[in-house]
PDB file of N, CA and C in Angstrom:
ATOM      1  N   UNK A   1     125.159-180.480 -70.073  1.00  0.00           N
ATOM      2  CA  UNK A   1     124.048-179.770 -70.706  1.00  0.00           C
ATOM      3  C   UNK A   1     123.039-179.320 -69.631  1.00  0.00           C
ATOM      4  N   UNK A   2     122.723-180.410 -68.580  1.00  0.00           N
ATOM      5  CA  UNK A   2     121.579-179.905 -67.713  1.00  0.00           C
ATOM      6  C   UNK A   2     122.182-178.876 -66.913  1.00  0.00           C
ATOM      7  N   UNK A   3     123.487-178.887 -66.480  1.00  0.00           N
ATOM      8  CA  UNK A   3     124.053-177.925 -65.528  1.00  0.00           C
ATOM      9  C   UNK A   3     124.003-176.595 -66.221  1.00  0.00           C
ATOM     10  N   UNK A   4     124.361-176.282 -67.408  1.00  0.00           N
ATOM     11  CA  UNK A   4     124.229-175.119 -68.259  1.00  0.00           C
ATOM     12  C   UNK A   4     122.799-174.695 -68.171  1.00  0.00           C
ATOM     13  N   UNK A   5     121.759-175.402 -68.565  1.00  0.00           N
ATOM     14  CA  UNK A   5     120.399-174.900 -68.665  1.00  0.00           C
ATOM     15  C   UNK A   5     120.079-174.391 -67.101  1.00  0.00           C
ATOM     16  N   UNK A   6     120.339-175.103 -66.090  1.00  0.00           N
ATOM     17  CA  UNK A   6     119.900-174.815 -64.838  1.00  0.00           C
ATOM     18  C   UNK A   6     120.516-173.293 -64.378  1.00  0.00           C
ATOM     19  N   UNK A   7     121.814-173.201 -64.707  1.00  0.00           N
ATOM     20  CA  UNK A   7     122.384-171.922 -64.424  1.00  0.00           C
ATOM     21  C   UNK A   7     121.834-170.851 -65.256  1.00  0.00           C
ATOM     22  N   UNK A   8     121.476-171.052 -66.600  1.00  0.00           N
ATOM     23  CA  UNK A   8     121.035-170.213 -67.406  1.00  0.00           C
ATOM     24  C   UNK A   8     119.554-169.705 -66.872  1.00  0.00           C
ATOM     25  N   UNK A   9     118.699-170.593 -66.246  1.00  0.00           N
ATOM     26  CA  UNK A   9     117.546-170.448 -65.938  1.00  0.00           C
ATOM     27  C   UNK A   9     117.548-169.455 -64.657  1.00  0.00           C
ATOM     28  N   UNK A  10     118.548-170.014 -63.624  1.00  0.00           N
ATOM     29  CA  UNK A  10     118.672-169.224 -62.345  1.00  0.00           C
ATOM     30  C   UNK A  10     119.118-167.782 -62.649  1.00  0.00           C
ATOM     31  N   UNK A  11     120.045-167.479 -63.547  1.00  0.00           N
ATOM     32  CA  UNK A  11     120.595-166.209 -63.960  1.00  0.00           C
ATOM     33  C   UNK A  11     119.420-165.446 -64.671  1.00  0.00           C
ATOM     34  N   UNK A  12     118.563-166.016 -65.409  1.00  0.00           N
ATOM     35  CA  UNK A  12     117.465-165.302 -66.034  1.00  0.00           C
ATOM     36  C   UNK A  12     116.429-164.800 -65.020  1.00  0.00           C
ATOM     37  N   UNK A  13     116.147-165.640 -64.014  1.00  0.00           N
ATOM     38  CA  UNK A  13     115.363-165.201 -62.857  1.00  0.00           C
ATOM     39  C   UNK A  13     115.791-164.407 -62.132  1.00  0.00           C
ATOM     40  N   UNK A  14     117.219-164.415 -61.674  1.00  0.00           N
ATOM     41  CA  UNK A  14     117.754-163.277 -60.913  1.00  0.00           C
ATOM     42  C   UNK A  14     117.800-161.904 -61.721  1.00  0.00           C
ATOM     43  N   UNK A  15     117.908-162.034 -62.953  1.00  0.00           N
ATOM     44  CA  UNK A  15     117.898-160.636 -63.718  1.00  0.00           C
ATOM     45  C   UNK A  15     116.554-160.095 -63.692  1.00  0.00           C
ATOM     46  N   UNK A  16     115.469-160.909 -63.797  1.00  0.00           N
ATOM     47  CA  UNK A  16     114.170-160.510 -63.905  1.00  0.00           C
ATOM     48  C   UNK A  16     113.682-159.889 -62.426  1.00  0.00           C
ATOM     49  N   UNK A  17     114.239-160.594 -61.378  1.00  0.00           N
ATOM     50  CA  UNK A  17     113.819-160.072 -60.214  1.00  0.00           C
ATOM     51  C   UNK A  17     114.235-158.597 -59.746  1.00  0.00           C
ATOM     52  N   UNK A  18     115.169-158.144 -60.455  1.00  0.00           N
ATOM     53  CA  UNK A  18     115.501-156.822 -60.151  1.00  0.00           C
ATOM     54  C   UNK A  18     114.915-155.613 -61.091  1.00  0.00           C
ATOM     55  N   UNK A  19     114.123-156.090 -62.227  1.00  0.00           N
ATOM     56  CA  UNK A  19     113.553-155.263 -63.004  1.00  0.00           C
ATOM     57  C   UNK A  19     112.077-155.067 -62.496  1.00  0.00           C
ATOM     58  N   UNK A  20     111.711-153.904 -61.932  1.00  0.00           N
ATOM     59  CA  UNK A  20     110.387-153.538 -61.541  1.00  0.00           C
ATOM     60  C   UNK A  20     109.617-152.892 -62.588  1.00  0.00           C
ATOM     61  N   UNK A  21     108.287-153.226 -62.874  1.00  0.00           N
ATOM     62  CA  UNK A  21     107.664-152.341 -63.773  1.00  0.00           C
ATOM     63  C   UNK A  21     107.331-150.914 -63.259  1.00  0.00           C
ATOM     64  N   UNK A  22     106.827-150.013 -64.036  1.00  0.00           N
ATOM     65  CA  UNK A  22     106.713-148.554 -63.566  1.00  0.00           C
ATOM     66  C   UNK A  22     105.641-148.434 -62.540  1.00  0.00           C
ATOM     67  N   UNK A  23     104.567-149.184 -62.700  1.00  0.00           N
ATOM     68  CA  UNK A  23     103.681-149.096 -61.532  1.00  0.00           C
ATOM     69  C   UNK A  23     103.271-150.597 -61.051  1.00  0.00           C
ATOM     70  N   UNK A  24     103.112-150.645 -59.755  1.00  0.00           N
ATOM     71  CA  UNK A  24     102.866-152.184 -59.336  1.00  0.00           C
ATOM     72  C   UNK A  24     102.037-152.070 -58.085  1.00  0.00           C
ATOM     73  N   UNK A  25     101.221-152.942 -58.103  1.00  0.00           N
ATOM     74  CA  UNK A  25     100.371-153.195 -56.721  1.00  0.00           C
ATOM     75  C   UNK A  25     100.359-154.590 -56.256  1.00  0.00           C
ATOM     76  N   UNK A  26     100.707-154.872 -54.974  1.00  0.00           N
ATOM     77  CA  UNK A  26     100.693-156.128 -54.424  1.00  0.00           C
ATOM     78  C   UNK A  26      99.652-156.150 -53.256  1.00  0.00           C
ATOM     79  N   UNK A  27      99.016-157.346 -53.149  1.00  0.00           N
ATOM     80  CA  UNK A  27      97.990-157.433 -52.108  1.00  0.00           C
ATOM     81  C   UNK A  27      98.340-158.844 -51.631  1.00  0.00           C
ATOM     82  N   UNK A  28      98.096-158.661 -50.079  1.00  0.00           N
ATOM     83  CA  UNK A  28      98.220-159.894 -49.108  1.00  0.00           C
ATOM     84  C   UNK A  28      97.304-160.918 -49.524  1.00  0.00           C
ATOM     85  N   UNK A  29      97.577-162.258 -49.279  1.00  0.00           N
ATOM     86  CA  UNK A  29      96.707-163.185 -49.342  1.00  0.00           C
ATOM     87  C   UNK A  29      96.762-164.262 -48.168  1.00  0.00           C
ATOM     88  N   UNK A  30      95.892-164.748 -47.583  1.00  0.00           N
ATOM     89  CA  UNK A  30      96.061-165.461 -46.371  1.00  0.00           C
ATOM     90  C   UNK A  30      96.753-166.739 -46.493  1.00  0.00           C
ATOM     91  N   UNK A  31      97.227-167.273 -47.786  1.00  0.00           N
ATOM     92  CA  UNK A  31      97.782-168.446 -47.737  1.00  0.00           C
ATOM     93  C   UNK A  31      99.430-168.254 -47.646  1.00  0.00           C
ATOM     94  N   UNK A  32      99.757-166.963 -48.152  1.00  0.00           N
ATOM     95  CA  UNK A  32     101.270-166.557 -48.198  1.00  0.00           C
ATOM     96  C   UNK A  32     101.518-165.633 -47.194  1.00  0.00           C
ATOM     97  N   UNK A  33     100.630-165.076 -46.388  1.00  0.00           N
ATOM     98  CA  UNK A  33     101.075-163.922 -45.470  1.00  0.00           C
ATOM     99  C   UNK A  33     100.344-164.148 -44.187  1.00  0.00           C
ATOM    100  N   UNK A  34     100.687-163.206 -43.144  1.00  0.00           N
ATOM    101  CA  UNK A  34     100.388-163.342 -41.883  1.00  0.00           C
ATOM    102  C   UNK A  34     100.446-161.916 -41.260  1.00  0.00           C
ATOM    103  N   UNK A  35      99.421-161.439 -40.512  1.00  0.00           N
ATOM    104  CA  UNK A  35      99.465-160.186 -39.845  1.00  0.00           C
ATOM    105  C   UNK A  35      99.444-160.552 -38.464  1.00  0.00           C
ATOM    106  N   UNK A  36     100.573-160.460 -37.769  1.00  0.00           N
ATOM    107  CA  UNK A  36     100.812-160.903 -36.361  1.00  0.00           C
ATOM    108  C   UNK A  36     101.675-159.959 -35.581  1.00  0.00           C
ATOM    109  N   UNK A  37     101.739-160.213 -34.327  1.00  0.00           N
ATOM    110  CA  UNK A  37     102.465-159.432 -33.159  1.00  0.00           C
ATOM    111  C   UNK A  37     102.982-160.337 -32.162  1.00  0.00           C
ATOM    112  N   UNK A  38     103.869-159.953 -31.273  1.00  0.00           N
ATOM    113  CA  UNK A  38     104.569-160.602 -30.191  1.00  0.00           C
ATOM    114  C   UNK A  38     104.555-159.522 -29.161  1.00  0.00           C
ATOM    115  N   UNK A  39     103.929-159.880 -28.000  1.00  0.00           N
ATOM    116  CA  UNK A  39     104.159-159.072 -26.760  1.00  0.00           C
ATOM    117  C   UNK A  39     104.761-159.802 -25.606  1.00  0.00           C
ATOM    118  N   UNK A  40     105.742-158.860 -24.834  1.00  0.00           N
ATOM    119  CA  UNK A  40     106.270-159.400 -23.656  1.00  0.00           C
ATOM    120  C   UNK A  40     105.593-158.862 -22.577  1.00  0.00           C
ATOM    121  N   UNK A  41     105.058-159.985 -21.716  1.00  0.00           N
ATOM    122  CA  UNK A  41     104.322-159.720 -20.458  1.00  0.00           C
ATOM    123  C   UNK A  41     105.238-159.593 -19.325  1.00  0.00           C
ATOM    124  N   UNK A  42     105.090-158.508 -18.589  1.00  0.00           N
ATOM    125  CA  UNK A  42     105.918-158.373 -17.374  1.00  0.00           C
ATOM    126  C   UNK A  42     107.512-158.858 -17.549  1.00  0.00           C
ATOM    127  N   UNK A  43     108.015-158.607 -18.742  1.00  0.00           N
ATOM    128  CA  UNK A  43     109.446-159.133 -18.833  1.00  0.00           C
ATOM    129  C   UNK A  43     109.627-160.525 -18.601  1.00  0.00           C
ATOM    130  N   UNK A  44     108.715-161.227 -18.588  1.00  0.00           N
ATOM    131  CA  UNK A  44     108.788-162.694 -18.240  1.00  0.00           C
ATOM    132  C   UNK A  44     108.540-163.594 -19.345  1.00  0.00           C
ATOM    133  N   UNK A  45     107.103-163.352 -19.855  1.00  0.00           N
ATOM    134  CA  UNK A  45     106.785-164.231 -21.075  1.00  0.00           C
ATOM    135  C   UNK A  45     106.381-163.421 -22.180  1.00  0.00           C
ATOM    136  N   UNK A  46     106.645-164.181 -23.372  1.00  0.00           N
ATOM    137  CA  UNK A  46     106.293-163.478 -24.663  1.00  0.00           C
ATOM    138  C   UNK A  46     105.064-164.302 -25.218  1.00  0.00           C
ATOM    139  N   UNK A  47     103.923-163.697 -25.685  1.00  0.00           N
ATOM    140  CA  UNK A  47     102.787-164.429 -26.359  1.00  0.00           C
ATOM    141  C   UNK A  47     102.732-163.755 -27.710  1.00  0.00           C
ATOM    142  N   UNK A  48     102.218-164.649 -28.645  1.00  0.00           N
ATOM    143  CA  UNK A  48     102.110-164.199 -29.986  1.00  0.00           C
ATOM    144  C   UNK A  48     100.508-164.217 -30.278  1.00  0.00           C
ATOM    145  N   UNK A  49     100.236-163.395 -31.321  1.00  0.00           N
ATOM    146  CA  UNK A  49      98.831-163.165 -31.747  1.00  0.00           C
ATOM    147  C   UNK A  49      98.877-162.943 -33.103  1.00  0.00           C
ATOM    148  N   UNK A  50      97.634-162.825 -33.920  1.00  0.00           N
ATOM    149  CA  UNK A  50      97.476-162.425 -35.102  1.00  0.00           C
ATOM    150  C   UNK A  50      96.044-162.058 -35.371  1.00  0.00           C
ATOM    151  N   UNK A  51      95.817-161.397 -36.543  1.00  0.00           N
ATOM    152  CA  UNK A  51      94.493-160.939 -36.991  1.00  0.00           C
ATOM    153  C   UNK A  51      94.118-161.894 -38.089  1.00  0.00           C
ATOM    154  N   UNK A  52      93.146-162.679 -38.026  1.00  0.00           N
ATOM    155  CA  UNK A  52      92.775-163.701 -39.149  1.00  0.00           C
ATOM    156  C   UNK A  52      92.105-162.917 -40.419  1.00  0.00           C
ATOM    157  N   UNK A  53      91.520-161.843 -40.062  1.00  0.00           N
ATOM    158  CA  UNK A  53      90.728-161.124 -41.193  1.00  0.00           C
ATOM    159  C   UNK A  53      91.395-159.740 -41.446  1.00  0.00           C
ATOM    160  N   UNK A  54      92.299-159.667 -42.371  1.00  0.00           N
ATOM    161  CA  UNK A  54      92.983-158.376 -42.775  1.00  0.00           C
ATOM    162  C   UNK A  54      93.229-158.462 -44.271  1.00  0.00           C
ATOM    163  N   UNK A  55      93.537-157.134 -44.710  1.00  0.00           N
ATOM    164  CA  UNK A  55      93.888-156.907 -46.066  1.00  0.00           C
ATOM    165  C   UNK A  55      95.059-155.835 -45.997  1.00  0.00           C
ATOM    166  N   UNK A  56      96.268-156.074 -46.702  1.00  0.00           N
ATOM    167  CA  UNK A  56      97.385-155.288 -46.948  1.00  0.00           C
ATOM    168  C   UNK A  56      97.706-155.025 -48.364  1.00  0.00           C
ATOM    169  N   UNK A  57      97.805-153.867 -48.703  1.00  0.00           N
ATOM    170  CA  UNK A  57      98.051-153.555 -50.202  1.00  0.00           C
ATOM    171  C   UNK A  57      99.275-152.496 -50.140  1.00  0.00           C
ATOM    172  N   UNK A  58     100.280-153.063 -51.010  1.00  0.00           N
ATOM    173  CA  UNK A  58     101.407-152.124 -51.342  1.00  0.00           C
ATOM    174  C   UNK A  58     101.307-151.479 -52.680  1.00  0.00           C
ATOM    175  N   UNK A  59     101.434-150.224 -52.834  1.00  0.00           N
ATOM    176  CA  UNK A  59     101.164-149.719 -54.285  1.00  0.00           C
ATOM    177  C   UNK A  59     102.557-148.937 -54.553  1.00  0.00           C
ATOM    178  N   UNK A  60     103.050-149.225 -55.657  1.00  0.00           N
ATOM    179  CA  UNK A  60     104.350-148.363 -55.982  1.00  0.00           C
ATOM    180  C   UNK A  60     104.021-147.755 -57.235  1.00  0.00           C
ATOM    181  N   UNK A  61     103.813-146.636 -57.378  1.00  0.00           N
ATOM    182  CA  UNK A  61     103.378-145.831 -58.561  1.00  0.00           C
ATOM    183  C   UNK A  61     104.728-145.659 -59.554  1.00  0.00           C
ATOM    184  N   UNK A  62     105.893-145.794 -59.022  1.00  0.00           N
ATOM    185  CA  UNK A  62     106.981-145.479 -59.957  1.00  0.00           C
ATOM    186  C   UNK A  62     108.003-146.631 -60.059  1.00  0.00           C
ATOM    187  N   UNK A  63     109.028-146.423 -60.605  1.00  0.00           N
ATOM    188  CA  UNK A  63     110.167-147.446 -60.708  1.00  0.00           C
ATOM    189  C   UNK A  63     110.859-147.587 -59.369  1.00  0.00           C
ATOM    190  N   UNK A  64     110.981-146.722 -58.572  1.00  0.00           N
ATOM    191  CA  UNK A  64     111.484-146.949 -57.312  1.00  0.00           C
ATOM    192  C   UNK A  64     110.246-146.971 -56.143  1.00  0.00           C
ATOM    193  N   UNK A  65     110.706-147.079 -54.999  1.00  0.00           N
ATOM    194  CA  UNK A  65     109.600-146.985 -53.843  1.00  0.00           C
ATOM    195  C   UNK A  65     109.514-145.566 -53.103  1.00  0.00           C
ATOM    196  N   UNK A  66     109.947-144.497 -53.756  1.00  0.00           N
ATOM    197  CA  UNK A  66     110.018-143.130 -53.251  1.00  0.00           C
ATOM    198  C   UNK A  66     108.509-142.765 -53.064  1.00  0.00           C
ATOM    199  N   UNK A  67     107.546-143.185 -53.899  1.00  0.00           N
ATOM    200  CA  UNK A  67     106.033-142.651 -53.577  1.00  0.00           C
ATOM    201  C   UNK A  67     105.331-143.998 -53.252  1.00  0.00           C
ATOM    202  N   UNK A  68     105.654-144.941 -52.845  1.00  0.00           N
ATOM    203  CA  UNK A  68     105.131-146.244 -52.365  1.00  0.00           C
ATOM    204  C   UNK A  68     104.190-145.846 -51.261  1.00  0.00           C
ATOM    205  N   UNK A  69     103.051-146.625 -51.157  1.00  0.00           N
ATOM    206  CA  UNK A  69     102.053-146.584 -49.967  1.00  0.00           C
ATOM    207  C   UNK A  69     101.772-147.960 -49.427  1.00  0.00           C
ATOM    208  N   UNK A  70     101.708-148.135 -48.282  1.00  0.00           N
ATOM    209  CA  UNK A  70     101.122-149.321 -47.632  1.00  0.00           C
ATOM    210  C   UNK A  70      99.888-149.049 -46.893  1.00  0.00           C
ATOM    211  N   UNK A  71      98.735-149.913 -47.172  1.00  0.00           N
ATOM    212  CA  UNK A  71      97.493-149.530 -46.532  1.00  0.00           C
ATOM    213  C   UNK A  71      97.161-150.942 -45.986  1.00  0.00           C
ATOM    214  N   UNK A  72      96.674-150.845 -44.726  1.00  0.00           N
ATOM    215  CA  UNK A  72      96.357-152.094 -43.977  1.00  0.00           C
ATOM    216  C   UNK A  72      95.026-151.812 -43.235  1.00  0.00           C
ATOM    217  N   UNK A  73      94.097-152.910 -43.245  1.00  0.00           N
ATOM    218  CA  UNK A  73      92.990-152.961 -42.460  1.00  0.00           C
ATOM    219  C   UNK A  73      92.759-154.288 -41.778  1.00  0.00           C
ATOM    220  N   UNK A  74      92.311-154.368 -40.624  1.00  0.00           N
ATOM    221  CA  UNK A  74      92.183-155.662 -39.912  1.00  0.00           C
ATOM    222  C   UNK A  74      90.986-155.519 -39.084  1.00  0.00           C
ATOM    223  N   UNK A  75      90.155-156.590 -39.073  1.00  0.00           N
ATOM    224  CA  UNK A  75      88.866-156.557 -38.348  1.00  0.00           C
ATOM    225  C   UNK A  75      89.317-156.918 -36.822  1.00  0.00           C
ATOM    226  N   UNK A  76      89.104-156.051 -35.925  1.00  0.00           N
ATOM    227  CA  UNK A  76      89.519-156.335 -34.531  1.00  0.00           C
ATOM    228  C   UNK A  76      88.949-157.463 -33.807  1.00  0.00           C
ATOM    229  N   UNK A  77      87.715-157.940 -34.289  1.00  0.00           N
ATOM    230  CA  UNK A  77      87.217-159.314 -33.741  1.00  0.00           C
ATOM    231  C   UNK A  77      87.879-160.467 -34.257  1.00  0.00           C
ATOM    232  N   UNK A  78      88.675-160.388 -35.277  1.00  0.00           N
ATOM    233  CA  UNK A  78      89.488-161.527 -35.828  1.00  0.00           C
ATOM    234  C   UNK A  78      90.785-161.801 -34.917  1.00  0.00           C
ATOM    235  N   UNK A  79      91.085-160.851 -33.838  1.00  0.00           N
ATOM    236  CA  UNK A  79      92.344-161.379 -33.198  1.00  0.00           C
ATOM    237  C   UNK A  79      92.314-162.533 -32.528  1.00  0.00           C
ATOM    238  N   UNK A  80      93.507-163.179 -32.592  1.00  0.00           N
ATOM    239  CA  UNK A  80      93.645-164.591 -32.133  1.00  0.00           C
ATOM    240  C   UNK A  80      94.871-164.764 -31.492  1.00  0.00           C
ATOM    241  N   UNK A  81      94.882-164.919 -30.043  1.00  0.00           N
ATOM    242  CA  UNK A  81      96.195-165.323 -29.223  1.00  0.00           C
ATOM    243  C   UNK A  81      96.169-166.614 -28.825  1.00  0.00           C
ATOM    244  N   UNK A  82      95.243-167.590 -29.238  1.00  0.00           N
ATOM    245  CA  UNK A  82      94.994-169.008 -28.570  1.00  0.00           C
ATOM    246  C   UNK A  82      94.550-168.927 -27.280  1.00  0.00           C
ATOM    247  N   UNK A  83      93.999-167.876 -26.908  1.00  0.00           N
ATOM    248  CA  UNK A  83      93.380-167.696 -25.577  1.00  0.00           C
ATOM    249  C   UNK A  83      92.089-166.978 -25.719  1.00  0.00           C
ATOM    250  N   UNK A  84      90.905-167.708 -25.538  1.00  0.00           N
ATOM    251  CA  UNK A  84      89.754-166.958 -25.627  1.00  0.00           C
ATOM    252  C   UNK A  84      89.496-165.696 -24.741  1.00  0.00           C
ATOM    253  N   UNK A  85      89.875-166.089 -23.404  1.00  0.00           N
ATOM    254  CA  UNK A  85      89.815-165.009 -22.407  1.00  0.00           C
ATOM    255  C   UNK A  85      90.539-163.711 -22.801  1.00  0.00           C
ATOM    256  N   UNK A  86      91.855-163.874 -23.181  1.00  0.00           N
ATOM    257  CA  UNK A  86      92.760-162.852 -23.664  1.00  0.00           C
ATOM    258  C   UNK A  86      92.172-162.003 -24.869  1.00  0.00           C
ATOM    259  N   UNK A  87      91.690-162.937 -25.832  1.00  0.00           N
ATOM    260  CA  UNK A  87      91.120-162.284 -26.959  1.00  0.00           C
ATOM    261  C   UNK A  87      90.039-161.434 -26.605  1.00  0.00           C
ATOM    262  N   UNK A  88      89.066-161.759 -25.952  1.00  0.00           N
ATOM    263  CA  UNK A  88      87.942-161.008 -25.494  1.00  0.00           C
ATOM    264  C   UNK A  88      88.366-159.774 -24.689  1.00  0.00           C
ATOM    265  N   UNK A  89      89.469-159.797 -23.957  1.00  0.00           N
ATOM    266  CA  UNK A  89      89.948-158.794 -23.056  1.00  0.00           C
ATOM    267  C   UNK A  89      90.565-157.745 -24.208  1.00  0.00           C
ATOM    268  N   UNK A  90      91.241-158.229 -25.315  1.00  0.00           N
ATOM    269  CA  UNK A  90      91.914-157.307 -26.155  1.00  0.00           C
ATOM    270  C   UNK A  90      90.937-156.637 -27.024  1.00  0.00           C
ATOM    271  N   UNK A  91      89.871-157.257 -27.200  1.00  0.00           N
ATOM    272  CA  UNK A  91      88.660-156.618 -28.067  1.00  0.00           C
ATOM    273  C   UNK A  91      87.715-155.812 -27.274  1.00  0.00           C
ATOM    274  N   UNK A  92      87.992-155.739 -25.703  1.00  0.00           N
ATOM    275  CA  UNK A  92      87.174-154.901 -25.030  1.00  0.00           C
ATOM    276  C   UNK A  92      87.668-153.495 -24.997  1.00  0.00           C
ATOM    277  N   UNK A  93      86.956-152.828 -23.949  1.00  0.00           N
ATOM    278  CA  UNK A  93      87.207-151.314 -23.962  1.00  0.00           C
ATOM    279  C   UNK A  93      88.637-150.895 -23.512  1.00  0.00           C
ATOM    280  N   UNK A  94      89.288-151.940 -22.618  1.00  0.00           N
ATOM    281  CA  UNK A  94      90.618-151.611 -22.184  1.00  0.00           C
ATOM    282  C   UNK A  94      91.654-151.498 -23.185  1.00  0.00           C
ATOM    283  N   UNK A  95      91.362-152.327 -24.397  1.00  0.00           N
ATOM    284  CA  UNK A  95      92.601-152.239 -25.434  1.00  0.00           C
ATOM    285  C   UNK A  95      91.800-151.587 -26.763  1.00  0.00           C
ATOM    286  N   UNK A  96      91.237-152.598 -27.602  1.00  0.00           N
ATOM    287  CA  UNK A  96      90.881-152.005 -28.871  1.00  0.00           C
ATOM    288  C   UNK A  96      89.531-151.413 -29.022  1.00  0.00           C
ATOM    289  N   UNK A  97      88.645-151.706 -27.983  1.00  0.00           N
ATOM    290  CA  UNK A  97      87.220-151.315 -28.057  1.00  0.00           C
ATOM    291  C   UNK A  97      86.607-151.629 -29.402  1.00  0.00           C
ATOM    292  N   UNK A  98      86.479-153.054 -29.701  1.00  0.00           N
ATOM    293  CA  UNK A  98      85.934-153.334 -30.939  1.00  0.00           C
ATOM    294  C   UNK A  98      84.432-152.967 -31.225  1.00  0.00           C
ATOM    295  N   UNK A  99      83.826-152.713 -30.025  1.00  0.00           N
ATOM    296  CA  UNK A  99      82.317-152.333 -30.478  1.00  0.00           C
ATOM    297  C   UNK A  99      82.392-150.897 -30.917  1.00  0.00           C
ATOM    298  N   UNK A 100      83.280-150.013 -30.531  1.00  0.00           N
ATOM    299  CA  UNK A 100      83.347-148.655 -30.936  1.00  0.00           C
ATOM    300  C   UNK A 100      84.166-148.441 -32.346  1.00  0.00           C
ATOM    301  N   UNK A 101      85.202-149.257 -32.243  1.00  0.00           N
ATOM    302  CA  UNK A 101      86.241-149.287 -33.450  1.00  0.00           C
ATOM    303  C   UNK A 101      86.456-150.695 -33.947  1.00  0.00           C
ATOM    304  N   UNK A 102      85.536-151.125 -34.684  1.00  0.00           N
ATOM    305  CA  UNK A 102      85.781-152.583 -35.208  1.00  0.00           C
ATOM    306  C   UNK A 102      86.794-152.772 -36.293  1.00  0.00           C
ATOM    307  N   UNK A 103      87.472-151.741 -36.766  1.00  0.00           N
ATOM    308  CA  UNK A 103      88.451-151.990 -37.720  1.00  0.00           C
ATOM    309  C   UNK A 103      89.770-151.237 -37.270  1.00  0.00           C
ATOM    310  N   UNK A 104      90.918-151.879 -37.394  1.00  0.00           N
ATOM    311  CA  UNK A 104      92.186-151.426 -37.168  1.00  0.00           C
ATOM    312  C   UNK A 104      92.838-150.877 -38.451  1.00  0.00           C
ATOM    313  N   UNK A 105      93.238-149.672 -38.802  1.00  0.00           N
ATOM    314  CA  UNK A 105      93.452-148.997 -40.032  1.00  0.00           C
ATOM    315  C   UNK A 105      94.925-148.491 -39.928  1.00  0.00           C
ATOM    316  N   UNK A 106      95.757-148.664 -41.077  1.00  0.00           N
ATOM    317  CA  UNK A 106      96.847-147.799 -41.142  1.00  0.00           C
ATOM    318  C   UNK A 106      97.170-147.624 -42.643  1.00  0.00           C
ATOM    319  N   UNK A 107      97.803-146.336 -42.889  1.00  0.00           N
ATOM    320  CA  UNK A 107      98.220-146.059 -44.277  1.00  0.00           C
ATOM    321  C   UNK A 107      99.560-145.249 -44.031  1.00  0.00           C
ATOM    322  N   UNK A 108     100.647-145.655 -44.798  1.00  0.00           N
ATOM    323  CA  UNK A 108     101.888-144.944 -44.707  1.00  0.00           C
ATOM    324  C   UNK A 108     101.810-143.681 -45.288  1.00  0.00           C
ATOM    325  N   UNK A 109     102.700-142.753 -44.742  1.00  0.00           N
ATOM    326  CA  UNK A 109     102.931-141.521 -45.285  1.00  0.00           C
ATOM    327  C   UNK A 109     104.201-141.377 -45.997  1.00  0.00           C
ATOM    328  N   UNK A 110     105.094-142.228 -45.899  1.00  0.00           N
ATOM    329  CA  UNK A 110     106.379-142.028 -46.601  1.00  0.00           C
ATOM    330  C   UNK A 110     107.191-143.238 -46.729  1.00  0.00           C
ATOM    331  N   UNK A 111     108.099-143.557 -47.570  1.00  0.00           N
ATOM    332  CA  UNK A 111     109.155-144.563 -47.351  1.00  0.00           C
ATOM    333  C   UNK A 111     110.522-143.945 -47.343  1.00  0.00           C
ATOM    334  N   UNK A 112     111.500-144.459 -46.571  1.00  0.00           N
ATOM    335  CA  UNK A 112     112.764-143.798 -46.403  1.00  0.00           C
ATOM    336  C   UNK A 112     113.639-144.948 -46.841  1.00  0.00           C
ATOM    337  N   UNK A 113     114.708-144.699 -47.744  1.00  0.00           N
ATOM    338  CA  UNK A 113     115.802-145.632 -48.045  1.00  0.00           C
ATOM    339  C   UNK A 113     116.777-145.825 -46.934  1.00  0.00           C
ATOM    340  N   UNK A 114     117.013-146.963 -46.577  1.00  0.00           N
ATOM    341  CA  UNK A 114     117.838-147.216 -45.499  1.00  0.00           C
ATOM    342  C   UNK A 114     119.206-148.002 -46.036  1.00  0.00           C
ATOM    343  N   UNK A 115     120.456-147.833 -45.495  1.00  0.00           N
ATOM    344  CA  UNK A 115     121.417-148.578 -45.950  1.00  0.00           C
ATOM    345  C   UNK A 115     121.317-149.956 -45.466  1.00  0.00           C
ATOM    346  N   UNK A 116     121.798-151.005 -46.245  1.00  0.00           N
ATOM    347  CA  UNK A 116     121.531-152.426 -45.829  1.00  0.00           C
ATOM    348  C   UNK A 116     122.359-152.744 -44.493  1.00  0.00           C
ATOM    349  N   UNK A 117     121.769-153.529 -43.797  1.00  0.00           N
ATOM    350  CA  UNK A 117     122.624-153.853 -42.310  1.00  0.00           C
ATOM    351  C   UNK A 117     123.671-155.035 -42.768  1.00  0.00           C
ATOM    352  N   UNK A 118     124.671-154.892 -42.118  1.00  0.00           N
ATOM    353  CA  UNK A 118     125.632-156.098 -42.386  1.00  0.00           C
ATOM    354  C   UNK A 118     125.124-157.558 -41.869  1.00  0.00           C
ATOM    355  N   UNK A 119     125.405-158.387 -42.378  1.00  0.00           N
ATOM    356  CA  UNK A 119     125.041-159.867 -42.061  1.00  0.00           C
ATOM    357  C   UNK A 119     125.882-160.260 -40.946  1.00  0.00           C
ATOM    358  N   UNK A 120     125.422-160.870 -40.051  1.00  0.00           N
ATOM    359  CA  UNK A 120     126.284-161.164 -38.699  1.00  0.00           C
ATOM    360  C   UNK A 120     126.367-162.749 -38.942  1.00  0.00           C
TER     361      UNK A 120
END
């Protein structure tokens, strides 16, 4: 009996995961998301960083993602690479120029459907 109930619950969840409502909006939260990056320096070392203060919103007005948009804002002063000197350099005029441009912003213009990649 327990096996049957578990399979039924899994099947119900799987079926619900494919049914999207007509209009949906998703917002990032700091507990379940991260806005980060990796940079390879001089082809030798890679360092990681992230923005601690950011907002990402995905809006899907229809049943598919044909007209969906992604909007992102991040406070440049919140950049963190675990190296204070590097963070200050990235915030400076050589890179982001946080004094002149305190926010990084992005808004998508389109979505394009891609064929799934084969699993290796």
